[in-house]
């Protein structure tokens, strides 16, 4: 039997766990639960910064990193969400100050 790479092995595992897995159109770290994250973001019509905040919170710790099956760093995802949220808050504060 031929050897398969770690990446190929991960794809096989991913498809068995999530048969609808499509890393480009429907990544597994966004397709858990009843609703795909992109559908929620589209429905809510959020601006870019708030959409990214929700996206990073939703995927926190779920994204597979590399080919070694290690789940993503939840703290890093939450820090990214915090960065986008703080960016949006600062934009709104600056706009409010200019309008005063």
PDB file of N, CA and C in Angstrom:
ATOM      1  N   UNK A   1       0.833  -1.171   0.000  1.00  0.00           N
ATOM      2  CA  UNK A   1       0.000   0.000   0.000  1.00  0.00           C
ATOM      3  C   UNK A   1       0.888   1.248   0.000  1.00  0.00           C
ATOM      4  N   UNK A   2       0.529   2.240  -0.785  1.00  0.00           N
ATOM      5  CA  UNK A   2       1.328   3.453  -0.926  1.00  0.00           C
ATOM      6  C   UNK A   2       1.186   4.340   0.306  1.00  0.00           C
ATOM      7  N   UNK A   3       2.272   5.018   0.637  1.00  0.00           N
ATOM      8  CA  UNK A   3       2.271   5.969   1.747  1.00  0.00           C
ATOM      9  C   UNK A   3       1.497   7.216   1.328  1.00  0.00           C
ATOM     10  N   UNK A   4       0.768   7.792   2.277  1.00  0.00           N
ATOM     11  CA  UNK A   4       0.107   9.061   1.995  1.00  0.00           C
ATOM     12  C   UNK A   4       0.697  10.125   2.916  1.00  0.00           C
ATOM     13  N   UNK A   5       0.667  11.343   2.441  1.00  0.00           N
ATOM     14  CA  UNK A   5       1.241  12.442   3.220  1.00  0.00           C
ATOM     15  C   UNK A   5       0.326  12.782   4.398  1.00  0.00           C
ATOM     16  N   UNK A   6       0.894  13.513   5.349  1.00  0.00           N
ATOM     17  CA  UNK A   6       0.089  13.979   6.478  1.00  0.00           C
ATOM     18  C   UNK A   6      -1.080  14.830   6.007  1.00  0.00           C
ATOM     19  N   UNK A   7      -0.823  15.668   5.011  1.00  0.00           N
ATOM     20  CA  UNK A   7      -1.879  16.536   4.479  1.00  0.00           C
ATOM     21  C   UNK A   7      -3.009  15.713   3.875  1.00  0.00           C
ATOM     22  N   UNK A   8      -2.671  14.687   3.099  1.00  0.00           N
ATOM     23  CA  UNK A   8      -3.699  13.815   2.516  1.00  0.00           C
ATOM     24  C   UNK A   8      -4.455  13.068   3.611  1.00  0.00           C
ATOM     25  N   UNK A   9      -3.746  12.638   4.632  1.00  0.00           N
ATOM     26  CA  UNK A   9      -4.367  11.942   5.749  1.00  0.00           C
ATOM     27  C   UNK A   9      -5.363  12.864   6.461  1.00  0.00           C
ATOM     28  N   UNK A  10      -4.979  14.117   6.663  1.00  0.00           N
ATOM     29  CA  UNK A  10      -5.888  15.079   7.290  1.00  0.00           C
ATOM     30  C   UNK A  10      -7.136  15.312   6.459  1.00  0.00           C
ATOM     31  N   UNK A  11      -6.971  15.376   5.146  1.00  0.00           N
ATOM     32  CA  UNK A  11      -8.131  15.568   4.268  1.00  0.00           C
ATOM     33  C   UNK A  11      -9.099  14.388   4.388  1.00  0.00           C
ATOM     34  N   UNK A  12      -8.571  13.187   4.458  1.00  0.00           N
ATOM     35  CA  UNK A  12      -9.407  11.992   4.607  1.00  0.00           C
ATOM     36  C   UNK A  12     -10.155  12.043   5.934  1.00  0.00           C
ATOM     37  N   UNK A  13      -9.446  12.380   6.999  1.00  0.00           N
ATOM     38  CA  UNK A  13     -10.080  12.480   8.319  1.00  0.00           C
ATOM     39  C   UNK A  13     -11.143  13.562   8.308  1.00  0.00           C
ATOM     40  N   UNK A  14     -10.821  14.710   7.750  1.00  0.00           N
ATOM     41  CA  UNK A  14     -11.761  15.832   7.713  1.00  0.00           C
ATOM     42  C   UNK A  14     -13.033  15.453   6.970  1.00  0.00           C
ATOM     43  N   UNK A  15     -12.888  14.778   5.836  1.00  0.00           N
ATOM     44  CA  UNK A  15     -14.066  14.380   5.068  1.00  0.00           C
ATOM     45  C   UNK A  15     -14.911  13.360   5.811  1.00  0.00           C
ATOM     46  N   UNK A  16     -14.268  12.491   6.602  1.00  0.00           N
ATOM     47  CA  UNK A  16     -15.041  11.507   7.358  1.00  0.00           C
ATOM     48  C   UNK A  16     -15.764  12.167   8.525  1.00  0.00           C
ATOM     49  N   UNK A  17     -15.165  13.199   9.111  1.00  0.00           N
ATOM     50  CA  UNK A  17     -15.797  13.915  10.212  1.00  0.00           C
ATOM     51  C   UNK A  17     -16.842  14.886   9.686  1.00  0.00           C
ATOM     52  N   UNK A  18     -16.524  15.572   8.618  1.00  0.00           N
ATOM     53  CA  UNK A  18     -17.420  16.564   8.024  1.00  0.00           C
ATOM     54  C   UNK A  18     -17.454  16.320   6.521  1.00  0.00           C
ATOM     55  N   UNK A  19     -18.388  15.467   6.056  1.00  0.00           N
ATOM     56  CA  UNK A  19     -18.404  15.115   4.635  1.00  0.00           C
ATOM     57  C   UNK A  19     -18.634  16.306   3.706  1.00  0.00           C
ATOM     58  N   UNK A  20     -19.163  17.403   4.225  1.00  0.00           N
ATOM     59  CA  UNK A  20     -19.397  18.580   3.401  1.00  0.00           C
ATOM     60  C   UNK A  20     -18.180  19.506   3.389  1.00  0.00           C
ATOM     61  N   UNK A  21     -17.074  19.098   4.017  1.00  0.00           N
ATOM     62  CA  UNK A  21     -15.898  19.961   4.123  1.00  0.00           C
ATOM     63  C   UNK A  21     -15.401  20.378   2.748  1.00  0.00           C
ATOM     64  N   UNK A  22     -15.236  21.649   2.586  1.00  0.00           N
ATOM     65  CA  UNK A  22     -14.682  22.246   1.378  1.00  0.00           C
ATOM     66  C   UNK A  22     -13.812  23.397   1.867  1.00  0.00           C
ATOM     67  N   UNK A  23     -12.485  23.208   1.898  1.00  0.00           N
ATOM     68  CA  UNK A  23     -11.612  24.199   2.522  1.00  0.00           C
ATOM     69  C   UNK A  23     -11.647  25.588   1.893  1.00  0.00           C
ATOM     70  N   UNK A  24     -12.139  25.708   0.674  1.00  0.00           N
ATOM     71  CA  UNK A  24     -12.210  27.017   0.034  1.00  0.00           C
ATOM     72  C   UNK A  24     -13.588  27.650   0.230  1.00  0.00           C
ATOM     73  N   UNK A  25     -14.633  26.922  -0.117  1.00  0.00           N
ATOM     74  CA  UNK A  25     -15.983  27.481  -0.089  1.00  0.00           C
ATOM     75  C   UNK A  25     -16.708  27.304   1.241  1.00  0.00           C
ATOM     76  N   UNK A  26     -16.396  26.248   1.962  1.00  0.00           N
ATOM     77  CA  UNK A  26     -17.087  25.961   3.225  1.00  0.00           C
ATOM     78  C   UNK A  26     -16.117  25.326   4.228  1.00  0.00           C
ATOM     79  N   UNK A  27     -15.136  26.099   4.727  1.00  0.00           N
ATOM     80  CA  UNK A  27     -14.165  25.525   5.667  1.00  0.00           C
ATOM     81  C   UNK A  27     -14.858  25.021   6.937  1.00  0.00           C
ATOM     82  N   UNK A  28     -14.373  23.919   7.472  1.00  0.00           N
ATOM     83  CA  UNK A  28     -15.012  23.289   8.627  1.00  0.00           C
ATOM     84  C   UNK A  28     -15.029  24.195   9.857  1.00  0.00           C
ATOM     85  N   UNK A  29     -14.050  25.095   9.980  1.00  0.00           N
ATOM     86  CA  UNK A  29     -14.031  25.975  11.155  1.00  0.00           C
ATOM     87  C   UNK A  29     -15.078  27.085  11.057  1.00  0.00           C
ATOM     88  N   UNK A  30     -15.835  27.125   9.951  1.00  0.00           N
ATOM     89  CA  UNK A  30     -16.944  28.070   9.805  1.00  0.00           C
ATOM     90  C   UNK A  30     -18.282  27.364   9.549  1.00  0.00           C
ATOM     91  N   UNK A  31     -18.282  26.041   9.463  1.00  0.00           N
ATOM     92  CA  UNK A  31     -19.510  25.327   9.091  1.00  0.00           C
ATOM     93  C   UNK A  31     -20.017  24.399  10.186  1.00  0.00           C
ATOM     94  N   UNK A  32     -19.744  24.709  11.407  1.00  0.00           N
ATOM     95  CA  UNK A  32     -20.240  23.911  12.522  1.00  0.00           C
ATOM     96  C   UNK A  32     -21.606  24.463  12.934  1.00  0.00           C
ATOM     97  N   UNK A  33     -22.383  23.689  13.642  1.00  0.00           N
ATOM     98  CA  UNK A  33     -23.682  24.177  14.113  1.00  0.00           C
ATOM     99  C   UNK A  33     -24.711  24.254  12.999  1.00  0.00           C
ATOM    100  N   UNK A  34     -25.793  24.968  13.253  1.00  0.00           N
ATOM    101  CA  UNK A  34     -26.900  25.050  12.306  1.00  0.00           C
ATOM    102  C   UNK A  34     -26.646  26.016  11.156  1.00  0.00           C
ATOM    103  N   UNK A  35     -25.818  27.030  11.384  1.00  0.00           N
ATOM    104  CA  UNK A  35     -25.635  28.086  10.396  1.00  0.00           C
ATOM    105  C   UNK A  35     -24.159  28.255  10.058  1.00  0.00           C
ATOM    106  N   UNK A  36     -23.882  28.432   8.788  1.00  0.00           N
ATOM    107  CA  UNK A  36     -22.515  28.732   8.382  1.00  0.00           C
ATOM    108  C   UNK A  36     -22.252  30.209   8.690  1.00  0.00           C
ATOM    109  N   UNK A  37     -21.074  30.494   9.183  1.00  0.00           N
ATOM    110  CA  UNK A  37     -20.748  31.845   9.636  1.00  0.00           C
ATOM    111  C   UNK A  37     -20.992  32.881   8.535  1.00  0.00           C
ATOM    112  N   UNK A  38     -20.598  32.609   7.306  1.00  0.00           N
ATOM    113  CA  UNK A  38     -20.768  33.585   6.221  1.00  0.00           C
ATOM    114  C   UNK A  38     -22.239  33.921   6.001  1.00  0.00           C
ATOM    115  N   UNK A  39     -23.132  32.937   6.194  1.00  0.00           N
ATOM    116  CA  UNK A  39     -24.569  33.192   6.025  1.00  0.00           C
ATOM    117  C   UNK A  39     -25.084  34.149   7.101  1.00  0.00           C
ATOM    118  N   UNK A  40     -24.599  33.994   8.309  1.00  0.00           N
ATOM    119  CA  UNK A  40     -24.980  34.896   9.400  1.00  0.00           C
ATOM    120  C   UNK A  40     -24.461  36.301   9.117  1.00  0.00           C
ATOM    121  N   UNK A  41     -23.200  36.398   8.706  1.00  0.00           N
ATOM    122  CA  UNK A  41     -22.611  37.709   8.426  1.00  0.00           C
ATOM    123  C   UNK A  41     -23.353  38.406   7.288  1.00  0.00           C
ATOM    124  N   UNK A  42     -23.698  37.657   6.257  1.00  0.00           N
ATOM    125  CA  UNK A  42     -24.458  38.236   5.139  1.00  0.00           C
ATOM    126  C   UNK A  42     -25.838  38.703   5.599  1.00  0.00           C
ATOM    127  N   UNK A  43     -26.495  37.862   6.388  1.00  0.00           N
ATOM    128  CA  UNK A  43     -27.843  38.194   6.846  1.00  0.00           C
ATOM    129  C   UNK A  43     -27.829  39.440   7.733  1.00  0.00           C
ATOM    130  N   UNK A  44     -26.829  39.554   8.582  1.00  0.00           N
ATOM    131  CA  UNK A  44     -26.752  40.690   9.495  1.00  0.00           C
ATOM    132  C   UNK A  44     -26.204  41.944   8.823  1.00  0.00           C
ATOM    133  N   UNK A  45     -25.628  41.810   7.625  1.00  0.00           N
ATOM    134  CA  UNK A  45     -25.107  42.948   6.862  1.00  0.00           C
ATOM    135  C   UNK A  45     -24.164  43.818   7.705  1.00  0.00           C
ATOM    136  N   UNK A  46     -23.223  43.154   8.343  1.00  0.00           N
ATOM    137  CA  UNK A  46     -22.276  43.851   9.212  1.00  0.00           C
ATOM    138  C   UNK A  46     -21.176  44.529   8.414  1.00  0.00           C
ATOM    139  N   UNK A  47     -20.663  45.663   8.923  1.00  0.00           N
ATOM    140  CA  UNK A  47     -19.484  46.248   8.288  1.00  0.00           C
ATOM    141  C   UNK A  47     -18.287  45.317   8.482  1.00  0.00           C
ATOM    142  N   UNK A  48     -17.267  45.515   7.665  1.00  0.00           N
ATOM    143  CA  UNK A  48     -16.109  44.624   7.643  1.00  0.00           C
ATOM    144  C   UNK A  48     -15.542  44.339   9.027  1.00  0.00           C
ATOM    145  N   UNK A  49     -15.301  45.380   9.815  1.00  0.00           N
ATOM    146  CA  UNK A  49     -14.647  45.183  11.105  1.00  0.00           C
ATOM    147  C   UNK A  49     -15.510  44.362  12.057  1.00  0.00           C
ATOM    148  N   UNK A  50     -16.814  44.609  12.086  1.00  0.00           N
ATOM    149  CA  UNK A  50     -17.683  43.837  12.973  1.00  0.00           C
ATOM    150  C   UNK A  50     -17.882  42.415  12.462  1.00  0.00           C
ATOM    151  N   UNK A  51     -17.917  42.258  11.144  1.00  0.00           N
ATOM    152  CA  UNK A  51     -18.021  40.908  10.576  1.00  0.00           C
ATOM    153  C   UNK A  51     -16.788  40.085  10.951  1.00  0.00           C
ATOM    154  N   UNK A  52     -15.612  40.694  10.882  1.00  0.00           N
ATOM    155  CA  UNK A  52     -14.393  39.970  11.265  1.00  0.00           C
ATOM    156  C   UNK A  52     -14.377  39.663  12.756  1.00  0.00           C
ATOM    157  N   UNK A  53     -14.919  40.553  13.566  1.00  0.00           N
ATOM    158  CA  UNK A  53     -15.020  40.290  15.004  1.00  0.00           C
ATOM    159  C   UNK A  53     -15.834  39.027  15.240  1.00  0.00           C
ATOM    160  N   UNK A  54     -17.007  38.956  14.619  1.00  0.00           N
ATOM    161  CA  UNK A  54     -17.889  37.789  14.773  1.00  0.00           C
ATOM    162  C   UNK A  54     -17.213  36.543  14.206  1.00  0.00           C
ATOM    163  N   UNK A  55     -16.577  36.687  13.039  1.00  0.00           N
ATOM    164  CA  UNK A  55     -15.907  35.553  12.397  1.00  0.00           C
ATOM    165  C   UNK A  55     -14.853  34.936  13.307  1.00  0.00           C
ATOM    166  N   UNK A  56     -14.000  35.788  13.901  1.00  0.00           N
ATOM    167  CA  UNK A  56     -12.937  35.255  14.753  1.00  0.00           C
ATOM    168  C   UNK A  56     -13.476  34.666  16.050  1.00  0.00           C
ATOM    169  N   UNK A  57     -14.539  35.221  16.589  1.00  0.00           N
ATOM    170  CA  UNK A  57     -15.153  34.631  17.777  1.00  0.00           C
ATOM    171  C   UNK A  57     -15.746  33.278  17.426  1.00  0.00           C
ATOM    172  N   UNK A  58     -16.427  33.201  16.293  1.00  0.00           N
ATOM    173  CA  UNK A  58     -17.073  31.951  15.881  1.00  0.00           C
ATOM    174  C   UNK A  58     -16.059  30.830  15.648  1.00  0.00           C
ATOM    175  N   UNK A  59     -14.930  31.155  15.069  1.00  0.00           N
ATOM    176  CA  UNK A  59     -13.966  30.103  14.734  1.00  0.00           C
ATOM    177  C   UNK A  59     -12.940  29.844  15.834  1.00  0.00           C
ATOM    178  N   UNK A  60     -13.006  30.587  16.922  1.00  0.00           N
ATOM    179  CA  UNK A  60     -11.990  30.518  17.979  1.00  0.00           C
ATOM    180  C   UNK A  60     -11.690  29.075  18.380  1.00  0.00           C
ATOM    181  N   UNK A  61     -10.443  28.679  18.127  1.00  0.00           N
ATOM    182  CA  UNK A  61      -9.978  27.352  18.499  1.00  0.00           C
ATOM    183  C   UNK A  61     -10.417  26.223  17.594  1.00  0.00           C
ATOM    184  N   UNK A  62     -11.120  26.516  16.498  1.00  0.00           N
ATOM    185  CA  UNK A  62     -11.644  25.462  15.631  1.00  0.00           C
ATOM    186  C   UNK A  62     -10.828  25.226  14.365  1.00  0.00           C
ATOM    187  N   UNK A  63     -10.020  26.191  13.966  1.00  0.00           N
ATOM    188  CA  UNK A  63      -9.274  26.070  12.709  1.00  0.00           C
ATOM    189  C   UNK A  63      -8.079  25.143  12.888  1.00  0.00           C
ATOM    190  N   UNK A  64      -7.957  24.147  12.003  1.00  0.00           N
ATOM    191  CA  UNK A  64      -6.805  23.248  12.024  1.00  0.00           C
ATOM    192  C   UNK A  64      -5.602  24.016  11.497  1.00  0.00           C
ATOM    193  N   UNK A  65      -4.494  23.918  12.218  1.00  0.00           N
ATOM    194  CA  UNK A  65      -3.281  24.649  11.853  1.00  0.00           C
ATOM    195  C   UNK A  65      -2.277  23.678  11.255  1.00  0.00           C
ATOM    196  N   UNK A  66      -1.841  23.946  10.040  1.00  0.00           N
ATOM    197  CA  UNK A  66      -0.841  23.103   9.388  1.00  0.00           C
ATOM    198  C   UNK A  66      -1.360  21.706   9.099  1.00  0.00           C
ATOM    199  N   UNK A  67      -0.445  20.782   9.012  1.00  0.00           N
ATOM    200  CA  UNK A  67      -0.807  19.403   8.658  1.00  0.00           C
ATOM    201  C   UNK A  67      -0.710  18.457   9.837  1.00  0.00           C
ATOM    202  N   UNK A  68      -0.596  19.011  11.041  1.00  0.00           N
ATOM    203  CA  UNK A  68      -0.398  18.138  12.187  1.00  0.00           C
ATOM    204  C   UNK A  68      -1.645  17.996  13.059  1.00  0.00           C
ATOM    205  N   UNK A  69      -2.797  18.413  12.539  1.00  0.00           N
ATOM    206  CA  UNK A  69      -4.072  18.220  13.230  1.00  0.00           C
ATOM    207  C   UNK A  69      -4.193  18.994  14.536  1.00  0.00           C
ATOM    208  N   UNK A  70      -3.319  19.956  14.771  1.00  0.00           N
ATOM    209  CA  UNK A  70      -3.419  20.756  15.986  1.00  0.00           C
ATOM    210  C   UNK A  70      -4.464  21.834  15.749  1.00  0.00           C
ATOM    211  N   UNK A  71      -5.387  21.940  16.668  1.00  0.00           N
ATOM    212  CA  UNK A  71      -6.413  22.976  16.549  1.00  0.00           C
ATOM    213  C   UNK A  71      -5.800  24.343  16.783  1.00  0.00           C
ATOM    214  N   UNK A  72      -6.458  25.352  16.218  1.00  0.00           N
ATOM    215  CA  UNK A  72      -5.959  26.709  16.316  1.00  0.00           C
ATOM    216  C   UNK A  72      -5.919  27.225  17.735  1.00  0.00           C
ATOM    217  N   UNK A  73      -5.206  28.281  17.898  1.00  0.00           N
ATOM    218  CA  UNK A  73      -5.027  28.915  19.195  1.00  0.00           C
ATOM    219  C   UNK A  73      -6.240  29.790  19.480  1.00  0.00           C
ATOM    220  N   UNK A  74      -7.041  29.400  20.463  1.00  0.00           N
ATOM    221  CA  UNK A  74      -8.257  30.150  20.805  1.00  0.00           C
ATOM    222  C   UNK A  74      -7.920  31.566  21.251  1.00  0.00           C
ATOM    223  N   UNK A  75      -6.830  31.722  21.982  1.00  0.00           N
ATOM    224  CA  UNK A  75      -6.455  33.051  22.450  1.00  0.00           C
ATOM    225  C   UNK A  75      -6.114  33.956  21.276  1.00  0.00           C
ATOM    226  N   UNK A  76      -5.380  33.432  20.304  1.00  0.00           N
ATOM    227  CA  UNK A  76      -5.029  34.246  19.132  1.00  0.00           C
ATOM    228  C   UNK A  76      -6.291  34.668  18.366  1.00  0.00           C
ATOM    229  N   UNK A  77      -7.233  33.746  18.188  1.00  0.00           N
ATOM    230  CA  UNK A  77      -8.479  34.100  17.497  1.00  0.00           C
ATOM    231  C   UNK A  77      -9.246  35.170  18.270  1.00  0.00           C
ATOM    232  N   UNK A  78      -9.311  35.048  19.591  1.00  0.00           N
ATOM    233  CA  UNK A  78     -10.029  36.036  20.394  1.00  0.00           C
ATOM    234  C   UNK A  78      -9.301  37.374  20.413  1.00  0.00           C
ATOM    235  N   UNK A  79      -7.974  37.352  20.366  1.00  0.00           N
ATOM    236  CA  UNK A  79      -7.217  38.610  20.278  1.00  0.00           C
ATOM    237  C   UNK A  79      -7.473  39.299  18.937  1.00  0.00           C
ATOM    238  N   UNK A  80      -7.589  38.509  17.868  1.00  0.00           N
ATOM    239  CA  UNK A  80      -7.919  39.094  16.563  1.00  0.00           C
ATOM    240  C   UNK A  80      -9.311  39.721  16.620  1.00  0.00           C
ATOM    241  N   UNK A  81     -10.262  39.024  17.221  1.00  0.00           N
ATOM    242  CA  UNK A  81     -11.623  39.562  17.360  1.00  0.00           C
ATOM    243  C   UNK A  81     -11.587  40.867  18.146  1.00  0.00           C
ATOM    244  N   UNK A  82     -10.834  40.884  19.228  1.00  0.00           N
ATOM    245  CA  UNK A  82     -10.699  42.080  20.064  1.00  0.00           C
ATOM    246  C   UNK A  82     -10.094  43.230  19.267  1.00  0.00           C
ATOM    247  N   UNK A  83      -9.083  42.932  18.446  1.00  0.00           N
ATOM    248  CA  UNK A  83      -8.435  43.967  17.641  1.00  0.00           C
ATOM    249  C   UNK A  83      -9.447  44.626  16.702  1.00  0.00           C
ATOM    250  N   UNK A  84     -10.231  43.789  16.001  1.00  0.00           N
ATOM    251  CA  UNK A  84     -11.222  44.343  15.073  1.00  0.00           C
ATOM    252  C   UNK A  84     -12.303  45.124  15.808  1.00  0.00           C
ATOM    253  N   UNK A  85     -12.736  44.646  16.967  1.00  0.00           N
ATOM    254  CA  UNK A  85     -13.752  45.356  17.737  1.00  0.00           C
ATOM    255  C   UNK A  85     -13.217  46.691  18.244  1.00  0.00           C
ATOM    256  N   UNK A  86     -12.004  46.692  18.761  1.00  0.00           N
ATOM    257  CA  UNK A  86     -11.399  47.945  19.222  1.00  0.00           C
ATOM    258  C   UNK A  86     -11.200  48.925  18.068  1.00  0.00           C
ATOM    259  N   UNK A  87     -10.837  48.402  16.913  1.00  0.00           N
ATOM    260  CA  UNK A  87     -10.676  49.251  15.728  1.00  0.00           C
ATOM    261  C   UNK A  87     -11.999  49.929  15.377  1.00  0.00           C
ATOM    262  N   UNK A  88     -13.078  49.173  15.400  1.00  0.00           N
ATOM    263  CA  UNK A  88     -14.407  49.728  15.096  1.00  0.00           C
ATOM    264  C   UNK A  88     -14.814  50.757  16.147  1.00  0.00           C
ATOM    265  N   UNK A  89     -14.593  50.453  17.422  1.00  0.00           N
ATOM    266  CA  UNK A  89     -14.935  51.398  18.487  1.00  0.00           C
ATOM    267  C   UNK A  89     -14.165  52.704  18.313  1.00  0.00           C
ATOM    268  N   UNK A  90     -12.864  52.605  17.997  1.00  0.00           N
ATOM    269  CA  UNK A  90     -12.053  53.812  17.799  1.00  0.00           C
ATOM    270  C   UNK A  90     -12.535  54.623  16.605  1.00  0.00           C
ATOM    271  N   UNK A  91     -12.922  53.950  15.516  1.00  0.00           N
ATOM    272  CA  UNK A  91     -13.468  54.659  14.353  1.00  0.00           C
ATOM    273  C   UNK A  91     -14.727  55.430  14.740  1.00  0.00           C
ATOM    274  N   UNK A  92     -15.618  54.785  15.491  1.00  0.00           N
ATOM    275  CA  UNK A  92     -16.868  55.420  15.885  1.00  0.00           C
ATOM    276  C   UNK A  92     -16.613  56.601  16.828  1.00  0.00           C
ATOM    277  N   UNK A  93     -15.683  56.448  17.772  1.00  0.00           N
ATOM    278  CA  UNK A  93     -15.339  57.527  18.684  1.00  0.00           C
ATOM    279  C   UNK A  93     -14.753  58.716  17.928  1.00  0.00           C
ATOM    280  N   UNK A  94     -13.853  58.417  16.987  1.00  0.00           N
ATOM    281  CA  UNK A  94     -13.243  59.502  16.185  1.00  0.00           C
ATOM    282  C   UNK A  94     -14.288  60.222  15.356  1.00  0.00           C
ATOM    283  N   UNK A  95     -15.197  59.488  14.763  1.00  0.00           N
ATOM    284  CA  UNK A  95     -16.257  60.101  13.965  1.00  0.00           C
ATOM    285  C   UNK A  95     -17.166  60.958  14.857  1.00  0.00           C
ATOM    286  N   UNK A  96     -17.431  60.442  16.055  1.00  0.00           N
ATOM    287  CA  UNK A  96     -18.280  61.180  17.002  1.00  0.00           C
ATOM    288  C   UNK A  96     -17.604  62.491  17.445  1.00  0.00           C
ATOM    289  N   UNK A  97     -16.312  62.428  17.702  1.00  0.00           N
ATOM    290  CA  UNK A  97     -15.565  63.613  18.121  1.00  0.00           C
ATOM    291  C   UNK A  97     -15.520  64.645  17.004  1.00  0.00           C
ATOM    292  N   UNK A  98     -15.368  64.209  15.771  1.00  0.00           N
ATOM    293  CA  UNK A  98     -15.328  65.136  14.626  1.00  0.00           C
ATOM    294  C   UNK A  98     -16.681  65.773  14.396  1.00  0.00           C
ATOM    295  N   UNK A  99     -17.749  65.027  14.714  1.00  0.00           N
ATOM    296  CA  UNK A  99     -19.109  65.520  14.520  1.00  0.00           C
ATOM    297  C   UNK A  99     -19.570  66.443  15.628  1.00  0.00           C
ATOM    298  N   UNK A 100     -18.834  66.489  16.734  1.00  0.00           N
ATOM    299  CA  UNK A 100     -19.243  67.331  17.878  1.00  0.00           C
ATOM    300  C   UNK A 100     -18.835  68.757  17.699  1.00  0.00           C
TER     301      UNK A 100
END
